[in-house]
Amino acid sequence: MAKQSFRFLSLDGGLVTDVSPVLLSPDKGFASKSLNIDYSQRGVLRKRPGSIETLGAVASNPIGAHQFIQASTQERHHIVAHGAVVQRWDSSTTTWVNLRSGLTGEQIDFLTFADSLIMSNGEDASARWDGTTLTTPTQFPKAKYLAEYRLRIAAAGDPANPSKLYLSHTGDPTLWDVSDASSNAAELFVSPDDGDVITGICNVGEGGLIVGKGRAIYGLFGYSRANFMVDILDPTIGVGSHKSMLYVRPYAYFVNERGIYRMEVGSPAERISSVIQTEFDSRINKSRIAESRAALLGRNYVVTLPTGDTGTFTLAFNVDHLVWSEWTHPALRESWEVAGDATSDVYYFSYGSLIPRKLSQEITTDNGDDISVTLSLVESSAGLPEVTKDIHDLYLTFLASAKPYHVNVWVWADDPNFNLWQQVAPNLEISGIAGSQITHRVPVGATNIRYFRVRLESSGAGGGFHPIAMTCLYTPQEVL
């Protein structure tokens, strides 16, 4: 029979481990393994951002971090809590200097509000730093979780009242007394009889405030004490970690022991980890789910999840293209985003490290080490699962970078000679005018097969890795 071709129109389908290839679009490159890949450019893959150690080491394991930008002075402060102290980075002396000492809590939350830094850990008195002076407002509740809500501070996680939500006076982070005639502060109980405590809060803009509990999600709505209302949003899904909650309009993203979710106020929570649920279920330690951490890098919801007794793994979900990849960095212990940075840089501490790292698309290595990239496509029948075929060649199309990069190409097929991965193109060089499309022919030579898989790996240093599409040249043999 005559040779035929089958084209994978794009290779940006993302990580898919819990969906049969039969149910997937056959002309789109979904991956059974996607390691260190950023899907932020439509139709063009690239390596995830690199990282580098920055600032200086702290003395003990971090328990909170934040970037405080003071609007009145435009000064930017890197803030880290570790051990019993809160410190800021002094760029003039290149050292960490104390803001506060004597902490006893295991975690701390920070919030920039009313041109000041608010810090609270649910154990010690909450404090406020205005860029010069540290004070401890006497009315501030002891709270583990902080968020802004319509020009107020929302606080929750008071050990004495774990189902109570506190709201400050409008614009005043020091006034919380609901009996004060000059105050419009408020206190609301969030379903106190369900046996669950508040586990996280998240501002969702005009949508209100999402309040997570262990087995349900509630919403706070209203603009004044006269019309504040708490309503249940989802009675079946809870929040496992306050520090996994992020708002990327129009969704709030969060983690619990059953999966990774997003929710738009007015709609039920949607489990976005469904396509990789086996990966999630087989690796996480549910008893440590409160240790989950997330950061927004560009358009990626990057979440670090606990494994075993002390381990972690990190997943990145592109919020525009709804695709997953596993990343080896960052292993978020504590992180803080650099507001106003065009590259959406993130600073973070890895588990086991006392030196913060900067994660940026402008960096192409991890502290000088190459970033390993793997894209293993799911099984393909070239659109003809009922027909045996001979696979002759692959035509791989890449986007050229400013500097040449190299790719290793592997093939597996249900041919006895290919039932182990075979390297069919070692160290394939991709070079040309930056932005141009480069196509390489790669001979395969697998015979009498129905299914095959292709794996692409980065090879050597450099930031390039931009596969776009793939065409398979084959000869059909017979219907089985």
Protein backbone atom coordinates (compact mmCIF):
# COMPACT_ATOMS: atom_id res chain seq x y z
CA MET A 1 0.00 0.00 0.00
CA ALA A 2 1.05 3.60 -0.51
CA LYS A 3 2.68 5.58 2.25
CA GLN A 4 0.42 7.86 4.27
CA SER A 5 1.03 10.58 6.82
CA PHE A 6 -0.56 11.50 10.12
CA ARG A 7 0.03 14.90 11.67
CA PHE A 8 0.02 15.87 15.33
CA LEU A 9 -1.12 19.45 14.92
CA SER A 10 0.38 20.54 18.24
CA LEU A 11 2.27 19.06 21.17
CA ASP A 12 0.76 21.28 23.84
CA GLY A 13 -1.87 18.89 25.21
CA GLY A 14 -0.23 18.75 28.62
CA LEU A 15 0.11 15.94 31.15
CA VAL A 16 -2.71 13.36 30.98
CA THR A 17 -2.44 10.16 33.02
CA ASP A 18 -6.06 9.25 33.78
CA VAL A 19 -7.69 9.44 30.36
CA SER A 20 -7.51 6.68 27.76
CA PRO A 21 -5.72 7.75 24.55
CA VAL A 22 -8.79 6.44 22.69
CA LEU A 23 -10.82 9.26 24.24
CA LEU A 24 -8.30 11.98 23.39
CA SER A 25 -8.07 13.97 20.20
CA PRO A 26 -5.74 11.80 18.08
CA ASP A 27 -4.09 14.75 16.30
CA LYS A 28 -3.03 16.55 19.50
CA GLY A 29 0.06 15.65 21.49
CA PHE A 30 -1.02 14.77 25.02
CA ALA A 31 1.74 13.59 27.34
CA SER A 32 2.06 10.67 29.75
CA LYS A 33 5.05 12.51 31.21
CA SER A 34 5.66 16.24 31.08
CA LEU A 35 8.66 17.26 33.14
CA ASN A 36 9.81 20.88 33.54
CA ILE A 37 7.74 22.21 30.65
CA ASP A 38 5.97 25.58 30.55
CA TYR A 39 2.91 25.71 28.29
CA SER A 40 2.50 29.47 28.50
CA GLN A 41 2.97 30.14 24.77
CA ARG A 42 0.09 28.77 22.76
CA GLY A 43 1.31 26.05 20.45
CA VAL A 44 4.94 26.46 21.52
CA LEU A 45 6.40 24.68 24.54
CA ARG A 46 9.40 25.92 26.49
CA LYS A 47 11.46 25.00 29.52
CA ARG A 48 10.10 26.07 32.86
CA PRO A 49 11.74 29.09 34.50
CA GLY A 50 15.13 28.57 36.08
CA SER A 51 16.20 29.49 39.58
CA ILE A 52 19.18 30.96 41.37
CA GLU A 53 20.09 31.45 45.02
CA THR A 54 19.67 35.06 46.06
CA LEU A 55 19.74 37.42 49.05
CA GLY A 56 21.32 35.54 51.96
CA ALA A 57 20.77 32.58 54.25
CA VAL A 58 18.45 32.80 57.25
CA ALA A 59 19.30 31.09 60.52
CA SER A 60 16.45 28.54 60.74
CA ASN A 61 13.62 26.99 58.74
CA PRO A 62 11.28 29.65 57.28
CA ILE A 63 7.66 29.73 58.48
CA GLY A 64 6.39 32.66 56.39
CA ALA A 65 7.50 35.13 53.71
CA HIS A 66 6.17 38.25 51.99
CA GLN A 67 7.10 41.26 49.88
CA PHE A 68 5.98 44.49 51.54
CA ILE A 69 5.79 47.49 49.21
CA GLN A 70 5.20 50.74 51.07
CA ALA A 71 3.12 52.97 48.81
CA SER A 72 4.10 56.22 50.52
CA THR A 73 7.84 55.69 50.02
CA GLN A 74 7.89 53.09 47.21
CA GLU A 75 10.32 51.08 49.30
CA ARG A 76 10.26 47.31 48.77
CA HIS A 77 11.03 44.95 51.61
CA HIS A 78 11.66 41.22 51.51
CA ILE A 79 10.17 39.82 54.72
CA VAL A 80 10.90 36.35 56.15
CA ALA A 81 9.80 34.72 59.38
CA HIS A 82 11.93 31.85 60.66
CA GLY A 83 12.27 30.28 64.05
CA ALA A 84 11.19 32.90 66.59
CA VAL A 85 11.90 36.03 64.53
CA VAL A 86 10.57 38.12 61.65
CA GLN A 87 13.32 39.78 59.59
CA ARG A 88 13.63 42.06 56.58
CA TRP A 89 16.42 42.10 54.03
CA ASP A 90 18.61 45.19 54.36
CA SER A 91 20.14 45.73 50.91
CA SER A 92 22.58 48.35 52.20
CA THR A 93 24.24 45.91 54.60
CA THR A 94 23.19 42.74 52.69
CA THR A 95 21.97 41.14 55.90
CA TRP A 96 18.69 40.08 57.46
CA VAL A 97 17.73 42.44 60.30
CA ASN A 98 15.14 41.85 63.00
CA LEU A 99 11.65 43.31 62.87
CA ARG A 100 10.20 41.15 65.61
CA SER A 101 11.36 38.41 67.98
CA GLY A 102 9.84 36.04 70.51
CA LEU A 103 7.44 34.22 68.16
CA THR A 104 6.06 30.89 69.33
CA GLY A 105 3.84 29.76 66.41
CA GLU A 106 4.70 27.23 63.71
CA GLN A 107 3.42 29.40 60.83
CA ILE A 108 2.81 33.07 60.21
CA ASP A 109 0.71 34.95 57.68
CA PHE A 110 1.44 38.41 56.25
CA LEU A 111 -0.76 41.01 54.58
CA THR A 112 -0.05 44.44 53.14
CA PHE A 113 -2.88 46.75 54.23
CA ALA A 114 -3.26 50.53 54.75
CA ASP A 115 0.38 51.13 53.77
CA SER A 116 1.59 48.80 56.51
CA LEU A 117 2.60 45.19 57.03
CA ILE A 118 0.31 43.04 59.16
CA MET A 119 1.67 39.80 60.68
CA SER A 120 -0.32 37.17 62.57
CA ASN A 121 0.24 33.54 63.60
CA GLY A 122 -2.70 32.58 65.83
CA GLU A 123 -0.49 32.21 68.88
CA ASP A 124 1.21 35.53 69.62
CA ALA A 125 -0.22 39.03 69.53
CA SER A 126 -0.67 40.22 65.95
CA ALA A 127 1.60 43.07 64.92
CA ARG A 128 1.78 45.96 62.46
CA TRP A 129 4.89 47.51 60.89
CA ASP A 130 4.57 50.87 59.10
CA GLY A 131 8.06 50.82 57.61
CA THR A 132 9.55 52.45 60.70
CA THR A 133 7.78 51.34 63.88
CA LEU A 134 6.44 47.96 64.99
CA THR A 135 3.25 48.05 67.08
CA THR A 136 0.90 45.44 68.50
CA PRO A 137 -2.69 46.76 68.16
CA THR A 138 -4.55 45.69 71.28
CA GLN A 139 -7.82 44.91 69.47
CA PHE A 140 -6.31 42.73 66.75
CA PRO A 141 -7.56 39.12 67.04
CA LYS A 142 -5.16 36.20 67.22
CA ALA A 143 -5.56 34.72 63.74
CA LYS A 144 -3.71 32.25 61.53
CA TYR A 145 -5.11 33.53 58.22
CA LEU A 146 -5.31 37.03 56.75
CA ALA A 147 -6.92 38.44 53.61
CA GLU A 148 -8.23 41.77 52.40
CA TYR A 149 -11.98 42.15 51.98
CA ARG A 150 -13.46 45.37 50.58
CA LEU A 151 -11.06 47.76 52.32
CA ARG A 152 -11.05 45.71 55.51
CA ILE A 153 -8.84 43.00 56.95
CA ALA A 154 -10.50 39.61 57.21
CA ALA A 155 -8.93 37.34 59.84
CA ALA A 156 -9.65 33.73 60.81
CA GLY A 157 -8.06 30.82 62.63
CA ASP A 158 -8.34 32.15 66.20
CA PRO A 159 -7.64 29.04 68.35
CA ALA A 160 -10.29 30.19 70.85
CA ASN A 161 -12.90 30.67 68.09
CA PRO A 162 -11.83 28.49 65.15
CA SER A 163 -15.15 28.96 63.28
CA LYS A 164 -15.28 32.73 63.66
CA LEU A 165 -14.48 35.26 60.94
CA TYR A 166 -13.30 38.71 62.04
CA LEU A 167 -13.56 41.89 59.94
CA SER A 168 -11.77 45.11 60.85
CA HIS A 169 -13.13 48.64 60.63
CA THR A 170 -13.00 49.97 57.07
CA GLY A 171 -9.48 51.12 56.28
CA ASP A 172 -8.25 50.79 59.88
CA PRO A 173 -6.21 47.69 60.78
CA THR A 174 -6.22 48.63 64.50
CA LEU A 175 -9.97 48.90 65.15
CA TRP A 176 -11.79 45.58 65.69
CA ASP A 177 -14.11 46.23 68.65
CA VAL A 178 -17.69 45.62 67.47
CA SER A 179 -19.07 47.44 70.51
CA ASP A 180 -17.20 50.66 69.76
CA ALA A 181 -19.67 53.27 68.45
CA SER A 182 -17.04 54.59 66.03
CA SER A 183 -16.35 51.15 64.58
CA ASN A 184 -18.07 49.19 61.83
CA ALA A 185 -16.00 46.06 62.56
CA ALA A 186 -17.84 42.74 62.48
CA GLU A 187 -17.61 39.17 63.72
CA LEU A 188 -19.43 36.28 62.06
CA PHE A 189 -19.58 32.58 62.87
CA VAL A 190 -19.15 30.25 59.88
CA SER A 191 -21.30 27.16 60.55
CA PRO A 192 -19.92 26.60 64.07
CA ASP A 193 -21.87 23.36 64.60
CA ASP A 194 -20.42 21.33 61.71
CA GLY A 195 -17.39 20.20 63.71
CA ASP A 196 -14.90 21.75 61.30
CA VAL A 197 -12.61 24.73 61.78
CA ILE A 198 -11.80 27.39 59.20
CA THR A 199 -8.79 26.21 57.19
CA GLY A 200 -8.25 29.13 54.81
CA ILE A 201 -9.63 32.38 53.40
CA CYS A 202 -9.17 33.97 49.99
CA ASN A 203 -10.24 37.32 48.53
CA VAL A 204 -11.95 36.81 45.17
CA GLY A 205 -12.43 40.45 44.24
CA GLU A 206 -16.00 41.56 43.66
CA GLY A 207 -17.06 37.95 44.18
CA GLY A 208 -16.52 38.32 47.93
CA LEU A 209 -14.42 36.21 50.26
CA ILE A 210 -14.10 32.43 50.06
CA VAL A 211 -13.95 30.77 53.47
CA GLY A 212 -12.69 27.20 53.44
CA LYS A 213 -13.39 24.59 56.08
CA GLY A 214 -12.40 20.93 56.23
CA ARG A 215 -15.43 19.59 54.34
CA ALA A 216 -17.24 22.61 52.87
CA ILE A 217 -16.70 26.02 51.32
CA TYR A 218 -18.53 29.18 52.32
CA GLY A 219 -18.66 32.68 50.92
CA LEU A 220 -18.82 36.04 52.67
CA PHE A 221 -20.86 38.70 50.87
CA GLY A 222 -21.99 42.25 51.63
CA TYR A 223 -20.46 45.66 52.19
CA SER A 224 -21.42 46.66 55.73
CA ARG A 225 -22.21 45.16 59.10
CA ALA A 226 -25.90 45.58 58.31
CA ASN A 227 -25.82 43.33 55.26
CA PHE A 228 -22.88 40.94 55.72
CA MET A 229 -23.95 37.39 54.93
CA VAL A 230 -22.20 34.01 55.04
CA ASP A 231 -23.59 31.43 52.63
CA ILE A 232 -22.51 27.89 51.77
CA LEU A 233 -21.01 27.59 48.28
CA ASP A 234 -20.13 23.89 48.13
CA PRO A 235 -21.15 21.42 50.88
CA THR A 236 -18.98 18.57 49.53
CA ILE A 237 -15.53 20.10 48.97
CA GLY A 238 -13.22 21.59 51.60
CA VAL A 239 -9.91 23.45 51.70
CA GLY A 240 -6.80 21.71 53.03
CA SER A 241 -4.30 24.56 53.03
CA HIS A 242 -4.70 28.32 53.34
CA LYS A 243 -1.35 28.84 51.64
CA SER A 244 -2.51 26.89 48.59
CA MET A 245 -5.34 29.40 47.99
CA LEU A 246 -4.79 31.85 45.13
CA TYR A 247 -7.18 34.02 43.16
CA VAL A 248 -6.60 34.27 39.42
CA ARG A 249 -9.66 35.96 37.96
CA PRO A 250 -12.28 34.58 37.83
CA TYR A 251 -11.26 31.48 39.82
CA ALA A 252 -9.95 30.70 43.29
CA TYR A 253 -7.50 27.79 43.26
CA PHE A 254 -6.87 25.52 46.24
CA VAL A 255 -5.90 22.03 47.41
CA ASN A 256 -7.49 19.44 49.64
CA GLU A 257 -6.75 15.76 50.28
CA ARG A 258 -8.98 14.72 47.36
CA GLY A 259 -7.43 16.83 44.63
CA ILE A 260 -6.64 20.27 43.24
CA TYR A 261 -9.61 22.53 42.55
CA ARG A 262 -10.72 25.83 41.12
CA MET A 263 -13.93 27.63 41.94
CA GLU A 264 -15.80 30.59 40.51
CA VAL A 265 -18.24 32.10 42.96
CA GLY A 266 -21.72 31.02 41.89
CA SER A 267 -20.55 27.68 40.50
CA PRO A 268 -19.55 24.38 42.15
CA ALA A 269 -15.86 23.66 42.74
CA GLU A 270 -14.21 21.94 39.77
CA ARG A 271 -11.51 19.32 40.28
CA ILE A 272 -8.80 20.32 37.81
CA SER A 273 -6.56 17.42 38.83
CA SER A 274 -8.97 14.82 37.38
CA VAL A 275 -6.80 14.09 34.34
CA ILE A 276 -3.80 13.36 36.60
CA GLN A 277 -5.68 11.99 39.60
CA THR A 278 -3.69 8.75 39.85
CA GLU A 279 -0.50 10.78 40.05
CA PHE A 280 -2.02 12.92 42.81
CA ASP A 281 -3.53 10.04 44.81
CA SER A 282 -0.50 7.77 44.60
CA ARG A 283 2.03 10.37 45.73
CA ILE A 284 0.55 12.77 48.28
CA ASN A 285 0.57 12.28 52.04
CA LYS A 286 -2.96 13.31 52.98
CA SER A 287 -2.03 13.77 56.63
CA ARG A 288 0.34 16.59 55.59
CA ILE A 289 -2.05 18.31 53.16
CA ALA A 290 -1.96 21.52 55.23
CA GLU A 291 1.70 21.88 54.18
CA SER A 292 0.70 22.40 50.53
CA ARG A 293 1.97 25.69 49.13
CA ALA A 294 1.20 27.56 45.91
CA ALA A 295 2.48 30.55 43.97
CA LEU A 296 1.51 32.27 40.73
CA LEU A 297 4.32 32.35 38.18
CA GLY A 298 3.23 34.10 35.01
CA ARG A 299 0.01 32.27 34.17
CA ASN A 300 0.95 29.10 36.05
CA TYR A 301 -0.62 28.01 39.32
CA VAL A 302 2.44 26.29 40.78
CA VAL A 303 1.63 24.03 43.74
CA THR A 304 3.97 21.97 45.92
CA LEU A 305 2.38 18.92 47.56
CA PRO A 306 3.66 16.71 50.42
CA THR A 307 4.84 13.13 49.93
CA GLY A 308 5.97 10.59 52.50
CA ASP A 309 7.17 11.93 55.83
CA THR A 310 9.22 14.84 54.52
CA GLY A 311 9.16 14.81 50.69
CA THR A 312 7.37 17.01 48.16
CA PHE A 313 6.56 17.22 44.46
CA THR A 314 5.50 20.22 42.40
CA LEU A 315 2.90 20.59 39.66
CA ALA A 316 2.24 23.58 37.39
CA PHE A 317 -1.22 24.25 35.94
CA ASN A 318 -1.48 26.79 33.14
CA VAL A 319 -4.67 28.69 33.94
CA ASP A 320 -5.24 29.77 30.33
CA HIS A 321 -4.64 26.50 28.50
CA LEU A 322 -5.72 24.14 31.34
CA VAL A 323 -2.68 21.86 31.04
CA TRP A 324 -0.39 20.26 33.63
CA SER A 325 3.33 19.64 33.90
CA GLU A 326 5.48 18.37 36.75
CA TRP A 327 8.32 20.68 37.78
CA THR A 328 11.40 19.79 39.81
CA HIS A 329 11.66 23.39 41.04
CA PRO A 330 10.32 25.16 42.99
CA ALA A 331 9.81 22.90 46.01
CA LEU A 332 7.86 25.59 47.82
CA ARG A 333 8.30 25.74 51.56
CA GLU A 334 7.52 29.44 51.73
CA SER A 335 7.32 31.83 48.79
CA TRP A 336 6.56 35.42 47.91
CA GLU A 337 5.80 37.01 44.58
CA VAL A 338 7.62 40.13 43.42
CA ALA A 339 4.76 42.54 42.71
CA GLY A 340 5.09 44.74 39.66
CA ASP A 341 7.83 42.60 38.10
CA ALA A 342 7.18 42.15 34.40
CA THR A 343 8.64 38.64 34.46
CA SER A 344 6.43 37.59 37.40
CA ASP A 345 9.42 36.46 39.42
CA VAL A 346 8.87 34.41 42.55
CA TYR A 347 11.20 34.14 45.52
CA TYR A 348 11.00 30.95 47.58
CA PHE A 349 12.67 28.67 50.07
CA SER A 350 13.06 25.01 49.14
CA TYR A 351 12.65 22.31 51.75
CA GLY A 352 15.96 21.73 53.48
CA SER A 353 17.46 25.05 52.33
CA LEU A 354 17.94 28.25 54.32
CA ILE A 355 18.88 30.30 51.24
CA PRO A 356 16.02 31.78 49.18
CA ARG A 357 15.91 31.31 45.43
CA LYS A 358 14.64 33.54 42.68
CA LEU A 359 12.56 31.78 40.02
CA SER A 360 12.41 33.65 36.71
CA GLN A 361 11.86 32.96 33.01
CA GLU A 362 14.99 35.05 32.43
CA ILE A 363 17.08 32.35 34.16
CA THR A 364 17.88 29.22 32.11
CA THR A 365 19.50 26.97 34.74
CA ASP A 366 18.97 25.95 38.35
CA ASN A 367 21.86 27.60 40.13
CA GLY A 368 24.06 26.72 37.15
CA ASP A 369 22.74 23.17 36.66
CA ASP A 370 20.94 22.23 33.43
CA ILE A 371 17.17 21.90 33.59
CA SER A 372 16.20 18.39 32.48
CA VAL A 373 13.13 18.32 30.21
CA THR A 374 11.11 15.27 29.15
CA LEU A 375 7.98 15.09 26.99
CA SER A 376 6.63 11.54 26.58
CA LEU A 377 3.53 11.44 24.37
CA VAL A 378 0.68 9.03 25.05
CA GLU A 379 0.27 6.00 22.81
CA SER A 380 -0.81 6.80 19.27
CA SER A 381 -2.25 4.62 16.51
CA ALA A 382 -1.82 7.37 13.90
CA GLY A 383 -5.61 7.50 13.83
CA LEU A 384 -5.97 3.81 12.78
CA PRO A 385 -6.09 1.56 15.87
CA GLU A 386 -7.59 -1.32 13.88
CA VAL A 387 -4.80 -1.37 11.29
CA THR A 388 -1.24 -2.69 11.57
CA LYS A 389 1.32 -0.42 9.97
CA ASP A 390 4.99 0.19 9.30
CA ILE A 391 6.32 3.43 10.77
CA HIS A 392 8.96 4.83 8.45
CA ASP A 393 9.83 8.36 9.59
CA LEU A 394 8.94 11.14 11.97
CA TYR A 395 9.05 14.76 10.85
CA LEU A 396 9.52 16.92 13.94
CA THR A 397 8.94 20.67 13.80
CA PHE A 398 10.64 22.97 16.32
CA LEU A 399 10.87 26.70 16.87
CA ALA A 400 14.42 28.00 16.69
CA SER A 401 15.84 30.03 19.59
CA ALA A 402 18.45 32.74 19.65
CA LYS A 403 20.98 30.00 20.49
CA PRO A 404 21.03 26.41 19.15
CA TYR A 405 19.65 23.70 21.41
CA HIS A 406 19.67 19.91 21.24
CA VAL A 407 16.99 17.24 21.61
CA ASN A 408 17.14 13.47 22.03
CA VAL A 409 14.33 11.54 20.29
CA TRP A 410 13.18 8.12 21.52
CA VAL A 411 10.50 5.78 20.14
CA TRP A 412 8.59 2.85 21.63
CA ALA A 413 6.34 0.59 19.54
CA ASP A 414 4.61 -2.77 19.95
CA ASP A 415 7.21 -4.29 17.66
CA PRO A 416 9.56 -6.80 19.39
CA ASN A 417 12.50 -4.71 18.26
CA PHE A 418 11.00 -1.54 19.77
CA ASN A 419 9.28 -2.77 22.94
CA LEU A 420 12.04 -1.04 24.86
CA TRP A 421 12.65 2.65 24.20
CA GLN A 422 14.94 3.09 21.20
CA GLN A 423 16.91 6.29 20.70
CA VAL A 424 16.35 7.17 17.03
CA ALA A 425 17.96 10.63 17.04
CA PRO A 426 20.61 11.46 19.63
CA ASN A 427 21.60 15.09 20.15
CA LEU A 428 19.43 16.51 17.35
CA GLU A 429 20.49 20.14 16.85
CA ILE A 430 17.81 22.80 16.47
CA SER A 431 19.33 25.94 14.99
CA GLY A 432 18.24 28.73 12.71
CA ILE A 433 16.89 32.26 12.77
CA ALA A 434 15.17 32.87 16.11
CA GLY A 435 11.44 32.35 15.72
CA SER A 436 11.68 30.32 12.51
CA GLN A 437 10.26 26.81 12.21
CA ILE A 438 12.79 24.03 11.73
CA THR A 439 11.73 20.53 10.61
CA HIS A 440 13.91 17.43 10.97
CA ARG A 441 13.34 14.01 9.45
CA VAL A 442 13.98 11.19 11.91
CA PRO A 443 14.02 7.58 10.55
CA VAL A 444 12.20 5.03 12.72
CA GLY A 445 11.79 1.68 10.95
CA ALA A 446 9.21 -0.03 13.20
CA THR A 447 7.21 -2.72 11.37
CA ASN A 448 3.85 -4.42 11.76
CA ILE A 449 2.74 -2.32 14.74
CA ARG A 450 -0.48 -0.72 15.90
CA TYR A 451 0.71 1.70 18.60
CA PHE A 452 3.80 3.78 19.17
CA ARG A 453 5.03 6.46 21.54
CA VAL A 454 7.56 9.26 21.15
CA ARG A 455 9.72 10.83 23.85
CA LEU A 456 11.61 14.11 23.48
CA GLU A 457 14.33 15.11 25.93
CA SER A 458 16.47 18.19 26.29
CA SER A 459 20.16 17.58 25.73
CA GLY A 460 22.89 19.83 27.09
CA ALA A 461 22.83 23.38 28.42
CA GLY A 462 20.69 26.23 27.19
CA GLY A 463 17.18 27.53 27.59
CA GLY A 464 15.76 26.22 24.31
CA PHE A 465 13.12 23.51 23.99
CA HIS A 466 10.29 24.41 21.64
CA PRO A 467 8.65 21.43 19.87
CA ILE A 468 5.61 22.49 17.88
CA ALA A 469 4.25 19.59 15.83
CA MET A 470 5.03 16.11 14.54
CA THR A 471 4.14 14.14 11.40
CA CYS A 472 4.33 10.36 11.18
CA LEU A 473 4.97 8.73 7.78
CA TYR A 474 3.67 5.14 7.66
CA THR A 475 2.31 2.39 5.44
CA PRO A 476 -0.92 0.67 6.55
CA GLN A 477 -0.87 -3.13 6.24
CA GLU A 478 -4.15 -4.82 7.14
CA VAL A 479 -7.23 -4.56 9.30
CA LEU A 480 -6.93 -6.77 12.39
